[in-house]
Amino acid sequence: MITPPYLKKGDLIGIVSPAKSIPAERIENAGKVITSFGFEVKTGKHATSSYHQFAGTDAERTADFQEMLDDDRVKMILCSRGGYGSVRIIDKLDFGRFVKHPKWIAGYSDITVFHAHVFTNFGIETLHATMPLNFGKQGKHDLSTELLFAAASGKKTSCGIAVHPLNRKGSGSGLLAGGNISVLCSLAGSTSDLNTDGKVLFLEDVGENLYRLDRMMWTLKRAGKLSNLAGLIVGGLTAMEDNETAFGKTPEEILSEAVADYGYPVCFGFPAGHQPENHPLILGRNVVLEVSGNKVSLAFDHR
């Protein structure tokens, strides 16, 4: 896997909105936060546009992302938010110059489309991390934002991982891949689909009904996405919903059941995803996951 150049003070960060629309004040606030860390900002022409629920038409969102891919001055493309819409533009983009001059692509949730596509097709690392929608207001720093820019600058980051009763003990190493469960399922069979064999898979999601979460995990299992992992890291399973007649399992129990036939280590409760404490994950980086009865650790190869 290829590591894009780490950020240096004064580098240019491009903000784009490839999915759902976002209030202009959140983009303005993000600019203040980014410059306070010592970086410069380039905002996509349509980053605050609105076309129904999207941040502009497909053509407008594609043009913004393409401009950031092709501008060699831009050292990181920071997606403003998720929602839905990235899959509508991924096949319209030309990654030719990006492959010759890699740069970080950062975000989470719907941005899983870009993470998976770049991983599968180009072998370039990306950053699963917080986005401008979640940045501290009034230009203030928060832990997730500090960790985003630390990781993008090549600094080692660490986090405490609480022991969970559904964890499965063991040690495994491999390239880290994954992201949002529903998005990964939607990519199955496409040119952006992930080959998960030998990978340490990260999964998270938000706002899903429990039966839909169960269905998605069965989809991943039947597609062979869970059988040959080196390890599984489960992040936030946030704001899940249930029917009037209860499904009968917690979100964590649903995922635990889906991987019960396998022997690799499993970690629940990793602090990443749709939650205030959203630690960055370098997707495409080799990691070592170790799970014991009283400790969980995730170590990244440092380059």
C-alpha atoms as a PDB file:
ATOM      1  CA  MET A   1       0.000   0.000   0.000  1.00  0.00           C
ATOM      2  CA  ILE A   2       1.142   3.549  -0.785  1.00  0.00           C
ATOM      3  CA  THR A   3       1.267   6.172   1.971  1.00  0.00           C
ATOM      4  CA  PRO A   4       0.455   9.706   0.749  1.00  0.00           C
ATOM      5  CA  PRO A   5       2.884  12.416   1.883  1.00  0.00           C
ATOM      6  CA  TYR A   6       2.172  13.497   5.443  1.00  0.00           C
ATOM      7  CA  LEU A   7       0.893  17.022   6.004  1.00  0.00           C
ATOM      8  CA  LYS A   8       3.281  19.841   6.881  1.00  0.00           C
ATOM      9  CA  LYS A   9       2.438  23.257   8.264  1.00  0.00           C
ATOM     10  CA  GLY A  10       1.244  25.499   5.473  1.00  0.00           C
ATOM     11  CA  ASP A  11      -0.074  22.671   3.327  1.00  0.00           C
ATOM     12  CA  LEU A  12      -3.345  23.154   1.465  1.00  0.00           C
ATOM     13  CA  ILE A  13      -6.403  21.143   2.512  1.00  0.00           C
ATOM     14  CA  GLY A  14      -9.364  20.933   0.151  1.00  0.00           C
ATOM     15  CA  ILE A  15     -12.906  20.719   1.524  1.00  0.00           C
ATOM     16  CA  VAL A  16     -15.537  19.013  -0.639  1.00  0.00           C
ATOM     17  CA  SER A  17     -19.104  17.828  -0.109  1.00  0.00           C
ATOM     18  CA  PRO A  18     -19.565  14.662  -2.190  1.00  0.00           C
ATOM     19  CA  ALA A  19     -22.770  13.555  -0.487  1.00  0.00           C
ATOM     20  CA  LYS A  20     -25.413  15.354   1.578  1.00  0.00           C
ATOM     21  CA  SER A  21     -25.721  19.132   1.803  1.00  0.00           C
ATOM     22  CA  ILE A  22     -24.185  20.955   4.742  1.00  0.00           C
ATOM     23  CA  PRO A  23     -24.877  24.399   6.255  1.00  0.00           C
ATOM     24  CA  ALA A  24     -22.440  27.063   5.062  1.00  0.00           C
ATOM     25  CA  GLU A  25     -21.562  27.979   8.648  1.00  0.00           C
ATOM     26  CA  ARG A  26     -20.151  24.496   9.234  1.00  0.00           C
ATOM     27  CA  ILE A  27     -17.793  24.944   6.275  1.00  0.00           C
ATOM     28  CA  GLU A  28     -16.807  28.397   7.479  1.00  0.00           C
ATOM     29  CA  ASN A  29     -16.173  27.013  10.946  1.00  0.00           C
ATOM     30  CA  ALA A  30     -14.065  24.190   9.504  1.00  0.00           C
ATOM     31  CA  GLY A  31     -11.911  26.736   7.703  1.00  0.00           C
ATOM     32  CA  LYS A  32     -11.189  28.460  11.005  1.00  0.00           C
ATOM     33  CA  VAL A  33     -10.316  25.176  12.666  1.00  0.00           C
ATOM     34  CA  ILE A  34      -8.025  24.077   9.850  1.00  0.00           C
ATOM     35  CA  THR A  35      -6.125  27.369   9.731  1.00  0.00           C
ATOM     36  CA  SER A  36      -5.732  27.287  13.503  1.00  0.00           C
ATOM     37  CA  PHE A  37      -3.736  24.069  13.027  1.00  0.00           C
ATOM     38  CA  GLY A  38      -1.419  25.892  10.620  1.00  0.00           C
ATOM     39  CA  PHE A  39      -2.842  24.691   7.298  1.00  0.00           C
ATOM     40  CA  GLU A  40      -4.357  26.557   4.360  1.00  0.00           C
ATOM     41  CA  VAL A  41      -7.871  25.893   3.026  1.00  0.00           C
ATOM     42  CA  LYS A  42      -9.362  25.530  -0.436  1.00  0.00           C
ATOM     43  CA  THR A  43     -13.132  25.126  -0.478  1.00  0.00           C
ATOM     44  CA  GLY A  44     -14.910  23.441  -3.352  1.00  0.00           C
ATOM     45  CA  LYS A  45     -17.097  25.760  -5.396  1.00  0.00           C
ATOM     46  CA  HIS A  46     -20.192  23.713  -4.551  1.00  0.00           C
ATOM     47  CA  ALA A  47     -19.272  22.635  -1.018  1.00  0.00           C
ATOM     48  CA  THR A  48     -22.265  24.550   0.374  1.00  0.00           C
ATOM     49  CA  SER A  49     -24.615  24.065  -2.572  1.00  0.00           C
ATOM     50  CA  SER A  50     -27.956  22.314  -2.244  1.00  0.00           C
ATOM     51  CA  TYR A  51     -29.811  20.183  -4.754  1.00  0.00           C
ATOM     52  CA  HIS A  52     -32.635  18.327  -3.015  1.00  0.00           C
ATOM     53  CA  GLN A  53     -30.791  16.463  -0.231  1.00  0.00           C
ATOM     54  CA  PHE A  54     -27.425  16.589  -2.024  1.00  0.00           C
ATOM     55  CA  ALA A  55     -24.670  19.198  -1.903  1.00  0.00           C
ATOM     56  CA  GLY A  56     -25.246  20.153  -5.519  1.00  0.00           C
ATOM     57  CA  THR A  57     -25.988  18.077  -8.578  1.00  0.00           C
ATOM     58  CA  ASP A  58     -23.965  14.962  -9.363  1.00  0.00           C
ATOM     59  CA  ALA A  59     -22.042  16.981 -11.967  1.00  0.00           C
ATOM     60  CA  GLU A  60     -21.267  19.757  -9.491  1.00  0.00           C
ATOM     61  CA  ARG A  61     -20.102  17.401  -6.757  1.00  0.00           C
ATOM     62  CA  THR A  62     -18.017  15.463  -9.268  1.00  0.00           C
ATOM     63  CA  ALA A  63     -16.393  18.653 -10.560  1.00  0.00           C
ATOM     64  CA  ASP A  64     -15.417  19.751  -7.041  1.00  0.00           C
ATOM     65  CA  PHE A  65     -13.882  16.388  -6.162  1.00  0.00           C
ATOM     66  CA  GLN A  66     -12.098  16.138  -9.516  1.00  0.00           C
ATOM     67  CA  GLU A  67     -10.577  19.579  -9.057  1.00  0.00           C
ATOM     68  CA  MET A  68      -9.146  18.540  -5.676  1.00  0.00           C
ATOM     69  CA  LEU A  69      -7.800  15.273  -7.128  1.00  0.00           C
ATOM     70  CA  ASP A  70      -6.045  17.160  -9.925  1.00  0.00           C
ATOM     71  CA  ASP A  71      -4.698  20.115  -7.909  1.00  0.00           C
ATOM     72  CA  ASP A  72      -1.174  19.129  -6.839  1.00  0.00           C
ATOM     73  CA  ARG A  73      -1.188  21.894  -4.241  1.00  0.00           C
ATOM     74  CA  VAL A  74      -3.959  20.110  -2.311  1.00  0.00           C
ATOM     75  CA  LYS A  75      -2.388  17.604   0.091  1.00  0.00           C
ATOM     76  CA  MET A  76      -5.582  16.307   1.694  1.00  0.00           C
ATOM     77  CA  ILE A  77      -9.167  16.085   0.456  1.00  0.00           C
ATOM     78  CA  LEU A  78     -11.389  16.490   3.498  1.00  0.00           C
ATOM     79  CA  CYS A  79     -15.002  15.478   2.978  1.00  0.00           C
ATOM     80  CA  SER A  80     -17.379  17.780   4.826  1.00  0.00           C
ATOM     81  CA  ARG A  81     -19.931  15.144   5.823  1.00  0.00           C
ATOM     82  CA  GLY A  82     -21.515  11.842   4.867  1.00  0.00           C
ATOM     83  CA  GLY A  83     -25.205  11.136   4.399  1.00  0.00           C
ATOM     84  CA  TYR A  84     -25.682   9.710   0.925  1.00  0.00           C
ATOM     85  CA  GLY A  85     -24.422  10.518  -2.541  1.00  0.00           C
ATOM     86  CA  SER A  86     -20.787   9.443  -2.933  1.00  0.00           C
ATOM     87  CA  VAL A  87     -21.702   6.313  -4.870  1.00  0.00           C
ATOM     88  CA  ARG A  88     -23.449   8.476  -7.486  1.00  0.00           C
ATOM     89  CA  ILE A  89     -20.171  10.183  -8.450  1.00  0.00           C
ATOM     90  CA  ILE A  90     -17.413   7.618  -7.808  1.00  0.00           C
ATOM     91  CA  ASP A  91     -17.455   6.222 -11.364  1.00  0.00           C
ATOM     92  CA  LYS A  92     -17.417   9.703 -12.899  1.00  0.00           C
ATOM     93  CA  LEU A  93     -14.042  10.555 -11.317  1.00  0.00           C
ATOM     94  CA  ASP A  94     -10.652  10.230 -13.010  1.00  0.00           C
ATOM     95  CA  PHE A  95      -8.072   9.122 -10.442  1.00  0.00           C
ATOM     96  CA  GLY A  96      -5.177   9.173 -12.930  1.00  0.00           C
ATOM     97  CA  ARG A  97      -3.375  12.170 -11.486  1.00  0.00           C
ATOM     98  CA  PHE A  98      -4.209  11.116  -7.926  1.00  0.00           C
ATOM     99  CA  VAL A  99      -2.440   7.788  -8.498  1.00  0.00           C
ATOM    100  CA  LYS A 100       0.681   9.603  -9.735  1.00  0.00           C
ATOM    101  CA  HIS A 101       0.517  12.168  -6.921  1.00  0.00           C
ATOM    102  CA  PRO A 102      -1.289  10.534  -3.958  1.00  0.00           C
ATOM    103  CA  LYS A 103      -2.884  12.651  -1.263  1.00  0.00           C
ATOM    104  CA  TRP A 104      -4.974  11.873   1.792  1.00  0.00           C
ATOM    105  CA  ILE A 105      -8.734  11.431   1.444  1.00  0.00           C
ATOM    106  CA  ALA A 106     -10.431  11.797   4.830  1.00  0.00           C
ATOM    107  CA  GLY A 107     -13.926  11.213   6.185  1.00  0.00           C
ATOM    108  CA  TYR A 108     -16.221   8.438   7.345  1.00  0.00           C
ATOM    109  CA  SER A 109     -19.785   7.137   6.961  1.00  0.00           C
ATOM    110  CA  ASP A 110     -20.797   7.576   3.286  1.00  0.00           C
ATOM    111  CA  ILE A 111     -17.140   8.367   2.538  1.00  0.00           C
ATOM    112  CA  THR A 112     -16.594   4.617   2.925  1.00  0.00           C
ATOM    113  CA  VAL A 113     -17.280   4.583  -0.839  1.00  0.00           C
ATOM    114  CA  PHE A 114     -13.996   6.416  -1.453  1.00  0.00           C
ATOM    115  CA  HIS A 115     -12.068   4.421   1.142  1.00  0.00           C
ATOM    116  CA  ALA A 116     -13.094   1.108  -0.406  1.00  0.00           C
ATOM    117  CA  HIS A 117     -12.661   2.261  -4.013  1.00  0.00           C
ATOM    118  CA  VAL A 118      -9.175   3.661  -3.445  1.00  0.00           C
ATOM    119  CA  PHE A 119      -8.110   0.628  -1.394  1.00  0.00           C
ATOM    120  CA  THR A 120      -9.308  -1.877  -3.990  1.00  0.00           C
ATOM    121  CA  ASN A 121      -8.268  -0.115  -7.179  1.00  0.00           C
ATOM    122  CA  PHE A 122      -5.198   1.933  -6.312  1.00  0.00           C
ATOM    123  CA  GLY A 123      -3.636   0.544  -3.137  1.00  0.00           C
ATOM    124  CA  ILE A 124      -3.378   3.972  -1.503  1.00  0.00           C
ATOM    125  CA  GLU A 125      -4.004   4.612   2.193  1.00  0.00           C
ATOM    126  CA  THR A 126      -6.903   6.825   3.303  1.00  0.00           C
ATOM    127  CA  LEU A 127      -8.060   8.260   6.620  1.00  0.00           C
ATOM    128  CA  HIS A 128     -11.276   7.179   8.325  1.00  0.00           C
ATOM    129  CA  ALA A 129     -11.746  10.200  10.592  1.00  0.00           C
ATOM    130  CA  THR A 130     -13.939  13.070  11.732  1.00  0.00           C
ATOM    131  CA  MET A 131     -15.338  15.631   9.291  1.00  0.00           C
ATOM    132  CA  PRO A 132     -16.221  19.361   9.294  1.00  0.00           C
ATOM    133  CA  LEU A 133     -19.851  18.631  10.189  1.00  0.00           C
ATOM    134  CA  ASN A 134     -18.547  17.380  13.530  1.00  0.00           C
ATOM    135  CA  PHE A 135     -15.791  19.938  14.167  1.00  0.00           C
ATOM    136  CA  GLY A 136     -15.992  21.929  17.394  1.00  0.00           C
ATOM    137  CA  LYS A 137     -17.996  25.118  16.965  1.00  0.00           C
ATOM    138  CA  GLN A 138     -16.549  28.639  17.000  1.00  0.00           C
ATOM    139  CA  GLY A 139     -13.300  27.355  15.546  1.00  0.00           C
ATOM    140  CA  LYS A 140     -12.467  25.384  18.666  1.00  0.00           C
ATOM    141  CA  HIS A 141     -10.392  22.224  18.723  1.00  0.00           C
ATOM    142  CA  ASP A 142     -11.706  18.917  19.999  1.00  0.00           C
ATOM    143  CA  LEU A 143     -10.022  15.567  20.505  1.00  0.00           C
ATOM    144  CA  SER A 144     -11.255  14.008  17.265  1.00  0.00           C
ATOM    145  CA  THR A 145     -10.056  16.960  15.168  1.00  0.00           C
ATOM    146  CA  GLU A 146      -6.681  17.056  16.901  1.00  0.00           C
ATOM    147  CA  LEU A 147      -6.236  13.352  16.238  1.00  0.00           C
ATOM    148  CA  LEU A 148      -7.242  13.749  12.577  1.00  0.00           C
ATOM    149  CA  PHE A 149      -4.506  16.286  11.888  1.00  0.00           C
ATOM    150  CA  ALA A 150      -2.004  14.397  14.028  1.00  0.00           C
ATOM    151  CA  ALA A 151      -2.553  11.216  12.012  1.00  0.00           C
ATOM    152  CA  ALA A 152      -2.435  13.095   8.694  1.00  0.00           C
ATOM    153  CA  SER A 153       0.846  14.666   9.822  1.00  0.00           C
ATOM    154  CA  GLY A 154       2.451  11.301  10.527  1.00  0.00           C
ATOM    155  CA  LYS A 155       2.292  11.444  14.305  1.00  0.00           C
ATOM    156  CA  LYS A 156       1.528   8.338  16.306  1.00  0.00           C
ATOM    157  CA  THR A 157      -1.899   8.387  17.920  1.00  0.00           C
ATOM    158  CA  SER A 158      -3.258   6.049  20.566  1.00  0.00           C
ATOM    159  CA  CYS A 159      -6.498   5.453  22.388  1.00  0.00           C
ATOM    160  CA  GLY A 160      -7.814   3.474  25.303  1.00  0.00           C
ATOM    161  CA  ILE A 161     -10.052   0.591  24.273  1.00  0.00           C
ATOM    162  CA  ALA A 162     -12.366  -0.744  26.959  1.00  0.00           C
ATOM    163  CA  VAL A 163     -12.703  -4.495  27.361  1.00  0.00           C
ATOM    164  CA  HIS A 164     -16.102  -5.729  26.158  1.00  0.00           C
ATOM    165  CA  PRO A 165     -17.772  -8.960  27.294  1.00  0.00           C
ATOM    166  CA  LEU A 166     -18.338 -10.070  23.683  1.00  0.00           C
ATOM    167  CA  ASN A 167     -14.690  -9.645  22.703  1.00  0.00           C
ATOM    168  CA  ARG A 168     -12.923 -12.730  21.383  1.00  0.00           C
ATOM    169  CA  LYS A 169      -9.340 -13.256  22.488  1.00  0.00           C
ATOM    170  CA  GLY A 170      -6.479 -13.628  20.076  1.00  0.00           C
ATOM    171  CA  SER A 171      -3.919 -11.814  17.956  1.00  0.00           C
ATOM    172  CA  GLY A 172      -4.081 -10.999  14.271  1.00  0.00           C
ATOM    173  CA  SER A 173      -2.316  -8.767  11.780  1.00  0.00           C
ATOM    174  CA  GLY A 174      -3.119  -7.533   8.301  1.00  0.00           C
ATOM    175  CA  LEU A 175      -4.103  -4.488   6.290  1.00  0.00           C
ATOM    176  CA  LEU A 176      -6.875  -2.472   7.937  1.00  0.00           C
ATOM    177  CA  ALA A 177      -9.967  -2.052   5.750  1.00  0.00           C
ATOM    178  CA  GLY A 178     -13.660  -1.318   6.127  1.00  0.00           C
ATOM    179  CA  GLY A 179     -15.957   1.445   7.298  1.00  0.00           C
ATOM    180  CA  ASN A 180     -19.723   1.806   7.342  1.00  0.00           C
ATOM    181  CA  ILE A 181     -21.574  -1.524   7.251  1.00  0.00           C
ATOM    182  CA  SER A 182     -24.500  -0.453   5.064  1.00  0.00           C
ATOM    183  CA  VAL A 183     -22.195   1.261   2.561  1.00  0.00           C
ATOM    184  CA  LEU A 184     -19.911  -1.777   2.350  1.00  0.00           C
ATOM    185  CA  CYS A 185     -22.934  -3.966   1.633  1.00  0.00           C
ATOM    186  CA  SER A 186     -24.064  -1.571  -1.104  1.00  0.00           C
ATOM    187  CA  LEU A 187     -20.677  -1.898  -2.834  1.00  0.00           C
ATOM    188  CA  ALA A 188     -20.849  -5.698  -3.103  1.00  0.00           C
ATOM    189  CA  GLY A 189     -20.159  -6.887  -6.635  1.00  0.00           C
ATOM    190  CA  SER A 190     -19.017  -3.452  -7.830  1.00  0.00           C
ATOM    191  CA  THR A 191     -15.550  -2.252  -8.819  1.00  0.00           C
ATOM    192  CA  SER A 192     -15.308  -0.692  -5.345  1.00  0.00           C
ATOM    193  CA  ASP A 193     -15.962  -3.959  -3.495  1.00  0.00           C
ATOM    194  CA  LEU A 194     -13.431  -4.979  -0.835  1.00  0.00           C
ATOM    195  CA  ASN A 195     -11.568  -8.263  -0.803  1.00  0.00           C
ATOM    196  CA  THR A 196     -11.481  -8.834   2.950  1.00  0.00           C
ATOM    197  CA  ASP A 197      -9.376 -12.014   2.967  1.00  0.00           C
ATOM    198  CA  GLY A 198      -6.495 -11.630   5.402  1.00  0.00           C
ATOM    199  CA  LYS A 199      -7.591  -8.130   6.393  1.00  0.00           C
ATOM    200  CA  VAL A 200      -8.366  -6.663   9.786  1.00  0.00           C
ATOM    201  CA  LEU A 201     -11.903  -5.421   9.140  1.00  0.00           C
ATOM    202  CA  PHE A 202     -13.377  -2.345  10.817  1.00  0.00           C
ATOM    203  CA  LEU A 203     -17.166  -1.942  10.961  1.00  0.00           C
ATOM    204  CA  GLU A 204     -19.480   0.796  12.265  1.00  0.00           C
ATOM    205  CA  ASP A 205     -22.959   2.134  11.566  1.00  0.00           C
ATOM    206  CA  VAL A 206     -25.673   4.490  12.765  1.00  0.00           C
ATOM    207  CA  GLY A 207     -29.452   4.710  12.797  1.00  0.00           C
ATOM    208  CA  GLU A 208     -30.197   1.259  11.414  1.00  0.00           C
ATOM    209  CA  ASN A 209     -33.119  -0.874  12.482  1.00  0.00           C
ATOM    210  CA  LEU A 210     -31.832  -4.007  14.213  1.00  0.00           C
ATOM    211  CA  TYR A 211     -33.390  -6.356  11.670  1.00  0.00           C
ATOM    212  CA  ARG A 212     -31.688  -4.442   8.849  1.00  0.00           C
ATOM    213  CA  LEU A 213     -28.375  -4.633  10.687  1.00  0.00           C
ATOM    214  CA  ASP A 214     -28.868  -8.383  11.038  1.00  0.00           C
ATOM    215  CA  ARG A 215     -29.688  -8.677   7.333  1.00  0.00           C
ATOM    216  CA  MET A 216     -26.558  -6.726   6.380  1.00  0.00           C
ATOM    217  CA  MET A 217     -24.353  -8.948   8.522  1.00  0.00           C
ATOM    218  CA  TRP A 218     -25.871 -12.033   6.907  1.00  0.00           C
ATOM    219  CA  THR A 219     -25.179 -10.426   3.517  1.00  0.00           C
ATOM    220  CA  LEU A 220     -21.515  -9.962   4.432  1.00  0.00           C
ATOM    221  CA  LYS A 221     -21.303 -13.482   5.820  1.00  0.00           C
ATOM    222  CA  ARG A 222     -22.918 -15.161   2.807  1.00  0.00           C
ATOM    223  CA  ALA A 223     -20.678 -13.135   0.496  1.00  0.00           C
ATOM    224  CA  GLY A 224     -17.614 -14.551   2.248  1.00  0.00           C
ATOM    225  CA  LYS A 225     -16.577 -11.185   3.656  1.00  0.00           C
ATOM    226  CA  LEU A 226     -16.306 -12.445   7.255  1.00  0.00           C
ATOM    227  CA  SER A 227     -14.821 -15.920   6.915  1.00  0.00           C
ATOM    228  CA  ASN A 228     -11.129 -15.236   6.246  1.00  0.00           C
ATOM    229  CA  LEU A 229     -10.395 -12.143   8.308  1.00  0.00           C
ATOM    230  CA  ALA A 230      -7.258 -11.628  10.380  1.00  0.00           C
ATOM    231  CA  GLY A 231      -9.378  -9.770  12.931  1.00  0.00           C
ATOM    232  CA  LEU A 232     -12.521  -7.705  13.426  1.00  0.00           C
ATOM    233  CA  ILE A 233     -12.764  -4.273  15.035  1.00  0.00           C
ATOM    234  CA  VAL A 234     -16.268  -3.025  15.798  1.00  0.00           C
ATOM    235  CA  GLY A 235     -16.667   0.707  16.314  1.00  0.00           C
ATOM    236  CA  GLY A 236     -19.773   2.688  17.134  1.00  0.00           C
ATOM    237  CA  LEU A 237     -23.141   1.024  16.599  1.00  0.00           C
ATOM    238  CA  THR A 238     -24.981   4.225  17.291  1.00  0.00           C
ATOM    239  CA  ALA A 239     -28.678   5.128  17.675  1.00  0.00           C
ATOM    240  CA  MET A 240     -29.943   1.774  16.477  1.00  0.00           C
ATOM    241  CA  GLU A 241     -33.705   1.273  16.278  1.00  0.00           C
ATOM    242  CA  ASP A 242     -36.038  -1.601  17.053  1.00  0.00           C
ATOM    243  CA  ASN A 243     -39.582  -2.544  16.082  1.00  0.00           C
ATOM    244  CA  GLU A 244     -42.587  -2.710  18.391  1.00  0.00           C
ATOM    245  CA  THR A 245     -41.912  -6.427  18.596  1.00  0.00           C
ATOM    246  CA  ALA A 246     -38.321  -6.516  19.815  1.00  0.00           C
ATOM    247  CA  PHE A 247     -35.681  -8.132  17.613  1.00  0.00           C
ATOM    248  CA  GLY A 248     -34.240  -9.788  20.691  1.00  0.00           C
ATOM    249  CA  LYS A 249     -30.548  -9.005  20.280  1.00  0.00           C
ATOM    250  CA  THR A 250     -28.376  -5.954  20.855  1.00  0.00           C
ATOM    251  CA  PRO A 251     -26.374  -4.585  17.907  1.00  0.00           C
ATOM    252  CA  GLU A 252     -23.227  -6.074  19.414  1.00  0.00           C
ATOM    253  CA  GLU A 253     -24.885  -9.467  19.783  1.00  0.00           C
ATOM    254  CA  ILE A 254     -25.944  -9.365  16.125  1.00  0.00           C
ATOM    255  CA  LEU A 255     -22.351  -8.843  14.994  1.00  0.00           C
ATOM    256  CA  SER A 256     -21.022 -11.393  17.464  1.00  0.00           C
ATOM    257  CA  GLU A 257     -23.415 -14.019  16.137  1.00  0.00           C
ATOM    258  CA  ALA A 258     -22.416 -13.251  12.541  1.00  0.00           C
ATOM    259  CA  VAL A 259     -18.762 -14.127  13.252  1.00  0.00           C
ATOM    260  CA  ALA A 260     -19.332 -16.911  15.795  1.00  0.00           C
ATOM    261  CA  ASP A 261     -18.153 -19.607  13.349  1.00  0.00           C
ATOM    262  CA  TYR A 262     -14.680 -18.100  12.997  1.00  0.00           C
ATOM    263  CA  GLY A 263     -11.636 -17.973  15.248  1.00  0.00           C
ATOM    264  CA  TYR A 264      -9.988 -14.584  14.707  1.00  0.00           C
ATOM    265  CA  PRO A 265      -9.813 -11.899  17.441  1.00  0.00           C
ATOM    266  CA  VAL A 266     -12.811  -9.588  17.771  1.00  0.00           C
ATOM    267  CA  CYS A 267     -12.873  -6.212  19.520  1.00  0.00           C
ATOM    268  CA  PHE A 268     -16.081  -4.334  20.325  1.00  0.00           C
ATOM    269  CA  GLY A 269     -16.421  -0.707  21.349  1.00  0.00           C
ATOM    270  CA  PHE A 270     -13.515   0.812  19.428  1.00  0.00           C
ATOM    271  CA  PRO A 271     -13.907   4.622  19.655  1.00  0.00           C
ATOM    272  CA  ALA A 272     -14.521   5.392  15.988  1.00  0.00           C
ATOM    273  CA  GLY A 273     -17.632   6.100  13.968  1.00  0.00           C
ATOM    274  CA  HIS A 274     -20.771   8.157  14.567  1.00  0.00           C
ATOM    275  CA  GLN A 275     -19.857   9.382  18.044  1.00  0.00           C
ATOM    276  CA  PRO A 276     -18.180  12.420  19.614  1.00  0.00           C
ATOM    277  CA  GLU A 277     -14.889  10.568  20.204  1.00  0.00           C
ATOM    278  CA  ASN A 278     -13.964   9.492  16.689  1.00  0.00           C
ATOM    279  CA  HIS A 279     -10.376   8.249  16.513  1.00  0.00           C
ATOM    280  CA  PRO A 280      -8.661   8.210  13.102  1.00  0.00           C
ATOM    281  CA  LEU A 281      -7.928   4.913  11.384  1.00  0.00           C
ATOM    282  CA  ILE A 282      -5.402   4.648   8.564  1.00  0.00           C
ATOM    283  CA  LEU A 283      -7.163   2.335   6.134  1.00  0.00           C
ATOM    284  CA  GLY A 284      -4.674   0.335   4.084  1.00  0.00           C
ATOM    285  CA  ARG A 285      -2.052   0.385   6.853  1.00  0.00           C
ATOM    286  CA  ASN A 286      -0.799  -2.875   8.360  1.00  0.00           C
ATOM    287  CA  VAL A 287      -2.003  -3.262  11.954  1.00  0.00           C
ATOM    288  CA  VAL A 288      -1.705  -5.740  14.782  1.00  0.00           C
ATOM    289  CA  LEU A 289      -4.851  -6.393  16.824  1.00  0.00           C
ATOM    290  CA  GLU A 290      -4.377  -8.061  20.196  1.00  0.00           C
ATOM    291  CA  VAL A 291      -7.333  -8.964  22.408  1.00  0.00           C
ATOM    292  CA  SER A 292      -6.934 -10.525  25.856  1.00  0.00           C
ATOM    293  CA  GLY A 293      -9.163 -10.863  28.871  1.00  0.00           C
ATOM    294  CA  ASN A 294      -8.054  -7.568  30.347  1.00  0.00           C
ATOM    295  CA  LYS A 295      -6.611  -5.568  27.458  1.00  0.00           C
ATOM    296  CA  VAL A 296      -7.190  -4.616  23.824  1.00  0.00           C
ATOM    297  CA  SER A 297      -4.543  -2.987  21.653  1.00  0.00           C
ATOM    298  CA  LEU A 298      -4.362  -1.891  18.034  1.00  0.00           C
ATOM    299  CA  ALA A 299      -0.881  -1.046  16.757  1.00  0.00           C
ATOM    300  CA  PHE A 300      -0.214   0.588  13.403  1.00  0.00           C
ATOM    301  CA  ASP A 301       3.002   0.124  11.461  1.00  0.00           C
ATOM    302  CA  HIS A 302       4.669   3.524  11.525  1.00  0.00           C
ATOM    303  CA  ARG A 303       6.068   4.903   8.275  1.00  0.00           C
END
